[in-house]
Amino acid sequence: MFGISELAIILIVVILVLGAKRLPELARSAGKSARILKAEAKAMKEPKGAEAEAGAPRVIRGETVTRPDAGRPGPDAGQPPRDRA
């Protein structure tokens, strides 16, 4: 990876480009972003709710709806589609 001398050169270039006054603010911002990222990654790994803890499968209930005219051709069945302009 990088040695001590390469890291020192990179640090000097960063200080010259950003300035010594903005460096602490940048470090705080980077630390805050890292904490947020870590918390979000942890939240994604943890199960949520009682169902996840009990290991119960997630069931979605619904009903199947069929239209009364399903399978029957409509009045325009033999005609080409019209232009809706």
Protein backbone atom coordinates (compact mmCIF):
# COMPACT_ATOMS: atom_id res chain seq x y z
CA MET A 1 0.00 0.00 0.00
CA PHE A 2 1.43 3.41 0.94
CA GLY A 3 4.53 3.97 3.00
CA ILE A 4 5.09 6.71 5.59
CA SER A 5 6.83 9.01 3.11
CA GLU A 6 3.99 8.75 0.57
CA LEU A 7 1.37 9.46 3.23
CA ALA A 8 3.37 12.48 4.45
CA ILE A 9 3.55 13.87 0.91
CA ILE A 10 -0.19 13.36 0.43
CA LEU A 11 -0.90 15.10 3.75
CA ILE A 12 1.29 18.07 2.79
CA VAL A 13 -0.46 18.41 -0.57
CA VAL A 14 -3.88 18.28 1.12
CA ILE A 15 -2.84 20.98 3.59
CA LEU A 16 -1.54 23.17 0.77
CA VAL A 17 -4.67 22.72 -1.34
CA LEU A 18 -7.30 23.05 1.38
CA GLY A 19 -5.51 25.26 3.83
CA ALA A 20 -4.82 24.58 7.49
CA LYS A 21 -7.99 26.38 8.62
CA ARG A 22 -10.38 24.13 6.69
CA LEU A 23 -8.65 20.85 7.57
CA PRO A 24 -10.31 20.33 11.02
CA GLU A 25 -13.73 21.05 9.52
CA LEU A 26 -13.06 18.52 6.76
CA ALA A 27 -11.96 15.89 9.30
CA ARG A 28 -15.12 16.44 11.39
CA SER A 29 -17.29 16.14 8.32
CA ALA A 30 -15.55 12.93 7.22
CA GLY A 31 -15.93 11.44 10.71
CA LYS A 32 -19.62 12.31 10.84
CA SER A 33 -20.18 10.76 7.42
CA ALA A 34 -18.34 7.60 8.47
CA ARG A 35 -20.51 7.29 11.61
CA ILE A 36 -23.71 7.71 9.60
CA LEU A 37 -22.57 5.12 7.07
CA LYS A 38 -21.67 2.66 9.83
CA ALA A 39 -25.03 3.15 11.56
CA GLU A 40 -26.95 2.63 8.31
CA ALA A 41 -24.99 -0.52 7.49
CA LYS A 42 -25.69 -1.88 10.98
CA ALA A 43 -29.40 -1.05 10.65
CA MET A 44 -29.60 -2.93 7.36
CA LYS A 45 -28.11 -6.08 8.92
CA GLU A 46 -30.39 -6.14 11.98
CA PRO A 47 -33.82 -7.80 11.66
CA LYS A 48 -36.79 -5.51 12.26
CA GLY A 49 -40.03 -6.24 14.07
CA ALA A 50 -41.36 -9.24 15.95
CA GLU A 51 -41.86 -11.29 12.78
CA ALA A 52 -38.19 -11.13 11.89
CA GLU A 53 -37.15 -12.10 15.42
CA ALA A 54 -39.53 -15.08 15.55
CA GLY A 55 -38.46 -16.26 12.12
CA ALA A 56 -42.03 -16.19 10.86
CA PRO A 57 -42.43 -15.97 7.10
CA ARG A 58 -43.87 -12.77 5.73
CA VAL A 59 -47.39 -13.35 4.42
CA ILE A 60 -49.14 -10.93 2.11
CA ARG A 61 -52.89 -11.47 1.86
CA GLY A 62 -54.88 -10.35 -1.12
CA GLU A 63 -57.58 -11.46 -3.47
CA THR A 64 -57.61 -12.29 -7.14
CA VAL A 65 -59.93 -10.12 -9.18
CA THR A 66 -61.15 -11.18 -12.60
CA ARG A 67 -62.97 -8.86 -14.92
CA PRO A 68 -66.40 -10.07 -16.06
CA ASP A 69 -65.50 -9.55 -19.72
CA ALA A 70 -62.21 -11.46 -19.52
CA GLY A 71 -61.85 -13.89 -22.38
CA ARG A 72 -64.61 -12.29 -24.42
CA PRO A 73 -63.55 -10.16 -27.40
CA GLY A 74 -64.64 -6.54 -27.29
CA PRO A 75 -66.52 -4.62 -29.99
CA ASP A 76 -63.25 -3.46 -31.61
CA ALA A 77 -61.63 -6.91 -31.65
CA GLY A 78 -61.40 -7.25 -35.44
CA GLN A 79 -60.34 -3.66 -36.16
CA PRO A 80 -56.81 -2.25 -36.16
CA PRO A 81 -55.95 0.11 -33.28
CA ARG A 82 -56.94 3.75 -33.72
CA ASP A 83 -54.50 6.63 -33.52
CA ARG A 84 -55.20 8.62 -30.33
CA ALA A 85 -53.81 11.92 -31.57
